[in-house]
Amino acid sequence: MSAPPSDTAARPVTAVMPDVTGGNALRAQEQMDGTQVRFEDVTGKDREVVDPQAWRVCGSRPGANQQITSYPVVLLVAPTTESCP
């Protein structure tokens, strides 16, 4: 008789979120090759990120070094000409 599967076994962890905070949004996206990534304007101005090269990463969901359990991963970004809030 085998033991019932645990919650961990039911939801396998596929990856750990790298710490990309402070880096260039395009480079962060490239670093996460193969991972679904969505950009979100962290300033609250709800701007679309057309050129990730012109944006910096202020944070992420999930946070750095946290397990990625759902996709897409969200990179919270601000234009390189502005400070992170």
N, C-alpha and C. Protein backbone atom coordinates (compact mmCIF):
# COMPACT_ATOMS: atom_id res chain seq x y z
N MET A 1 0.85 -1.17 0.00
CA MET A 1 0.00 0.00 0.00
C MET A 1 0.90 1.24 0.00
N SER A 2 0.63 2.17 -0.90
CA SER A 2 1.46 3.37 -0.96
C SER A 2 0.78 4.52 -0.23
N ALA A 3 1.59 5.44 0.22
CA ALA A 3 1.08 6.61 0.94
C ALA A 3 0.43 7.57 -0.04
N PRO A 4 -0.58 8.31 0.41
CA PRO A 4 -1.20 9.29 -0.49
C PRO A 4 -0.19 10.39 -0.82
N PRO A 5 -0.30 10.96 -2.04
CA PRO A 5 0.66 12.01 -2.41
C PRO A 5 0.48 13.24 -1.54
N SER A 6 1.59 13.89 -1.25
CA SER A 6 1.52 15.11 -0.45
C SER A 6 1.15 16.29 -1.35
N ASP A 7 0.81 17.43 -0.73
CA ASP A 7 0.49 18.63 -1.50
C ASP A 7 1.68 19.04 -2.37
N THR A 8 2.89 18.84 -1.86
CA THR A 8 4.08 19.21 -2.62
C THR A 8 4.16 18.38 -3.89
N ALA A 9 3.86 17.11 -3.80
CA ALA A 9 3.91 16.24 -4.97
C ALA A 9 2.82 16.62 -5.97
N ALA A 10 1.69 17.11 -5.48
CA ALA A 10 0.59 17.47 -6.37
C ALA A 10 0.89 18.74 -7.15
N ARG A 11 1.72 19.62 -6.59
CA ARG A 11 2.04 20.89 -7.25
C ARG A 11 3.56 21.00 -7.35
N PRO A 12 4.16 20.34 -8.34
CA PRO A 12 5.61 20.36 -8.41
C PRO A 12 6.15 21.76 -8.65
N VAL A 13 7.25 22.07 -8.00
CA VAL A 13 7.91 23.35 -8.19
C VAL A 13 8.77 23.23 -9.44
N THR A 14 8.62 24.18 -10.34
CA THR A 14 9.34 24.09 -11.59
C THR A 14 10.61 24.95 -11.60
N ALA A 15 10.64 25.98 -10.76
CA ALA A 15 11.79 26.88 -10.78
C ALA A 15 11.78 27.78 -9.56
N VAL A 16 12.89 28.47 -9.36
CA VAL A 16 13.02 29.47 -8.31
C VAL A 16 13.24 30.80 -9.00
N MET A 17 12.57 31.84 -8.52
CA MET A 17 12.68 33.17 -9.12
C MET A 17 14.06 33.75 -8.85
N PRO A 18 14.80 34.10 -9.91
CA PRO A 18 16.11 34.72 -9.68
C PRO A 18 15.95 36.15 -9.17
N ASP A 19 16.98 36.65 -8.53
CA ASP A 19 16.96 38.03 -8.05
C ASP A 19 17.40 38.93 -9.19
N VAL A 20 16.42 39.53 -9.89
CA VAL A 20 16.71 40.39 -11.04
C VAL A 20 16.44 41.86 -10.70
N THR A 21 16.12 42.14 -9.44
CA THR A 21 15.81 43.50 -9.01
C THR A 21 16.99 44.44 -9.26
N GLY A 22 16.68 45.59 -9.84
CA GLY A 22 17.70 46.59 -10.14
C GLY A 22 18.30 46.45 -11.52
N GLY A 23 18.02 45.33 -12.17
CA GLY A 23 18.58 45.09 -13.49
C GLY A 23 17.69 45.58 -14.61
N ASN A 24 18.19 45.48 -15.81
CA ASN A 24 17.47 45.85 -17.00
C ASN A 24 16.36 44.84 -17.27
N ALA A 25 15.17 45.32 -17.62
CA ALA A 25 14.02 44.44 -17.82
C ALA A 25 14.23 43.46 -18.97
N LEU A 26 14.84 43.91 -20.06
CA LEU A 26 15.09 43.02 -21.19
C LEU A 26 16.06 41.92 -20.80
N ARG A 27 17.13 42.29 -20.11
CA ARG A 27 18.11 41.29 -19.68
C ARG A 27 17.47 40.29 -18.70
N ALA A 28 16.61 40.78 -17.82
CA ALA A 28 15.92 39.89 -16.88
C ALA A 28 15.04 38.90 -17.64
N GLN A 29 14.34 39.41 -18.65
CA GLN A 29 13.48 38.52 -19.46
C GLN A 29 14.34 37.47 -20.17
N GLU A 30 15.47 37.89 -20.72
CA GLU A 30 16.36 36.95 -21.39
C GLU A 30 16.93 35.93 -20.42
N GLN A 31 17.24 36.36 -19.20
CA GLN A 31 17.78 35.46 -18.17
C GLN A 31 16.77 34.37 -17.82
N MET A 32 15.50 34.69 -17.96
CA MET A 32 14.45 33.73 -17.62
C MET A 32 13.96 32.99 -18.86
N ASP A 33 14.86 32.72 -19.77
CA ASP A 33 14.57 32.07 -21.03
C ASP A 33 13.62 30.89 -20.84
N GLY A 34 12.53 30.91 -21.58
CA GLY A 34 11.57 29.82 -21.52
C GLY A 34 10.48 30.03 -20.48
N THR A 35 10.60 31.03 -19.63
CA THR A 35 9.60 31.31 -18.61
C THR A 35 8.67 32.41 -19.12
N GLN A 36 7.37 32.21 -18.94
CA GLN A 36 6.41 33.24 -19.32
C GLN A 36 6.58 34.44 -18.40
N VAL A 37 6.82 35.61 -18.99
CA VAL A 37 7.07 36.83 -18.22
C VAL A 37 6.10 37.90 -18.67
N ARG A 38 5.56 38.63 -17.70
CA ARG A 38 4.70 39.78 -17.98
C ARG A 38 5.28 40.98 -17.25
N PHE A 39 5.30 42.13 -17.93
CA PHE A 39 5.79 43.36 -17.31
C PHE A 39 4.62 44.16 -16.76
N GLU A 40 4.82 44.78 -15.60
CA GLU A 40 3.80 45.63 -14.99
C GLU A 40 4.47 46.92 -14.52
N ASP A 41 3.89 48.05 -14.93
CA ASP A 41 4.40 49.37 -14.55
C ASP A 41 4.16 49.56 -13.05
N VAL A 42 5.22 49.54 -12.26
CA VAL A 42 5.12 49.61 -10.81
C VAL A 42 4.82 51.03 -10.32
N THR A 43 4.93 52.03 -11.19
CA THR A 43 4.72 53.41 -10.78
C THR A 43 3.25 53.77 -10.63
N GLY A 44 2.36 52.88 -11.08
CA GLY A 44 0.93 53.15 -11.00
C GLY A 44 0.39 53.91 -12.20
N LYS A 45 1.27 54.22 -13.16
CA LYS A 45 0.84 54.96 -14.35
C LYS A 45 0.29 54.04 -15.43
N ASP A 46 0.38 52.72 -15.20
CA ASP A 46 -0.22 51.71 -16.08
C ASP A 46 0.25 51.84 -17.53
N ARG A 47 1.53 52.15 -17.73
CA ARG A 47 2.07 52.26 -19.09
C ARG A 47 2.42 50.89 -19.63
N GLU A 48 2.27 50.73 -20.92
CA GLU A 48 2.64 49.49 -21.58
C GLU A 48 4.15 49.48 -21.80
N VAL A 49 4.76 48.35 -21.56
CA VAL A 49 6.20 48.20 -21.75
C VAL A 49 6.43 47.71 -23.18
N VAL A 50 6.72 48.66 -24.08
CA VAL A 50 6.94 48.33 -25.48
C VAL A 50 8.40 47.92 -25.71
N ASP A 51 9.32 48.65 -25.07
CA ASP A 51 10.76 48.38 -25.20
C ASP A 51 11.34 48.07 -23.82
N PRO A 52 11.42 46.78 -23.45
CA PRO A 52 11.92 46.42 -22.12
C PRO A 52 13.33 46.93 -21.84
N GLN A 53 14.11 47.22 -22.90
CA GLN A 53 15.47 47.74 -22.74
C GLN A 53 15.46 49.08 -22.00
N ALA A 54 14.35 49.82 -22.10
CA ALA A 54 14.25 51.16 -21.50
C ALA A 54 13.63 51.13 -20.10
N TRP A 55 13.50 49.94 -19.52
CA TRP A 55 12.87 49.78 -18.20
C TRP A 55 13.81 49.03 -17.27
N ARG A 56 13.69 49.30 -15.96
CA ARG A 56 14.46 48.57 -14.95
C ARG A 56 13.50 47.78 -14.05
N VAL A 57 13.99 46.71 -13.50
CA VAL A 57 13.19 45.85 -12.63
C VAL A 57 13.24 46.39 -11.20
N CYS A 58 12.06 46.66 -10.64
CA CYS A 58 11.95 47.15 -9.26
C CYS A 58 11.57 46.02 -8.29
N GLY A 59 11.03 44.97 -8.81
CA GLY A 59 10.61 43.84 -7.99
C GLY A 59 9.97 42.79 -8.88
N SER A 60 9.45 41.75 -8.25
CA SER A 60 8.83 40.68 -9.03
C SER A 60 7.81 39.94 -8.19
N ARG A 61 6.92 39.25 -8.89
CA ARG A 61 5.98 38.32 -8.26
C ARG A 61 6.14 36.99 -8.94
N PRO A 62 6.60 35.96 -8.30
CA PRO A 62 6.99 35.90 -6.89
C PRO A 62 8.27 36.68 -6.65
N GLY A 63 8.57 36.93 -5.40
CA GLY A 63 9.78 37.66 -5.02
C GLY A 63 11.04 36.85 -5.30
N ALA A 64 12.16 37.52 -5.24
CA ALA A 64 13.46 36.87 -5.48
C ALA A 64 13.64 35.67 -4.57
N ASN A 65 14.15 34.61 -5.16
CA ASN A 65 14.47 33.36 -4.47
C ASN A 65 13.23 32.61 -3.96
N GLN A 66 12.06 33.02 -4.41
CA GLN A 66 10.83 32.32 -4.06
C GLN A 66 10.50 31.29 -5.14
N GLN A 67 9.75 30.28 -4.78
CA GLN A 67 9.37 29.26 -5.75
C GLN A 67 8.35 29.83 -6.73
N ILE A 68 8.55 29.52 -8.01
CA ILE A 68 7.58 29.90 -9.04
C ILE A 68 6.56 28.77 -9.12
N THR A 69 5.33 29.08 -8.77
CA THR A 69 4.28 28.06 -8.78
C THR A 69 3.18 28.36 -9.78
N SER A 70 3.22 29.55 -10.40
CA SER A 70 2.23 29.88 -11.42
C SER A 70 2.86 30.84 -12.43
N TYR A 71 2.25 30.87 -13.59
CA TYR A 71 2.77 31.71 -14.68
C TYR A 71 1.65 32.58 -15.21
N PRO A 72 1.96 33.75 -15.80
CA PRO A 72 3.30 34.25 -16.01
C PRO A 72 3.90 34.85 -14.75
N VAL A 73 5.23 34.89 -14.73
CA VAL A 73 5.96 35.61 -13.69
C VAL A 73 5.78 37.09 -13.99
N VAL A 74 5.62 37.93 -12.97
CA VAL A 74 5.41 39.37 -13.18
C VAL A 74 6.67 40.12 -12.76
N LEU A 75 7.21 40.89 -13.70
CA LEU A 75 8.32 41.78 -13.38
C LEU A 75 7.75 43.17 -13.19
N LEU A 76 7.93 43.73 -12.01
CA LEU A 76 7.45 45.07 -11.68
C LEU A 76 8.53 46.05 -12.11
N VAL A 77 8.22 46.88 -13.10
CA VAL A 77 9.25 47.70 -13.74
C VAL A 77 8.91 49.19 -13.73
N ALA A 78 9.96 50.01 -13.89
CA ALA A 78 9.83 51.46 -14.03
C ALA A 78 10.79 51.88 -15.15
N PRO A 79 10.46 52.96 -15.86
CA PRO A 79 11.39 53.44 -16.89
C PRO A 79 12.76 53.74 -16.26
N THR A 80 13.81 53.54 -17.03
CA THR A 80 15.16 53.78 -16.51
C THR A 80 15.37 55.25 -16.15
N THR A 81 14.52 56.14 -16.66
CA THR A 81 14.63 57.57 -16.36
C THR A 81 13.93 57.93 -15.05
N GLU A 82 13.27 56.96 -14.42
CA GLU A 82 12.54 57.20 -13.17
C GLU A 82 13.06 56.28 -12.08
N SER A 83 12.84 56.66 -10.83
CA SER A 83 13.23 55.82 -9.69
C SER A 83 12.14 54.81 -9.40
N CYS A 84 12.53 53.71 -8.83
CA CYS A 84 11.55 52.74 -8.34
C CYS A 84 10.84 53.36 -7.14
N PRO A 85 9.53 53.18 -7.05
CA PRO A 85 8.80 53.74 -5.90
C PRO A 85 9.16 53.03 -4.61
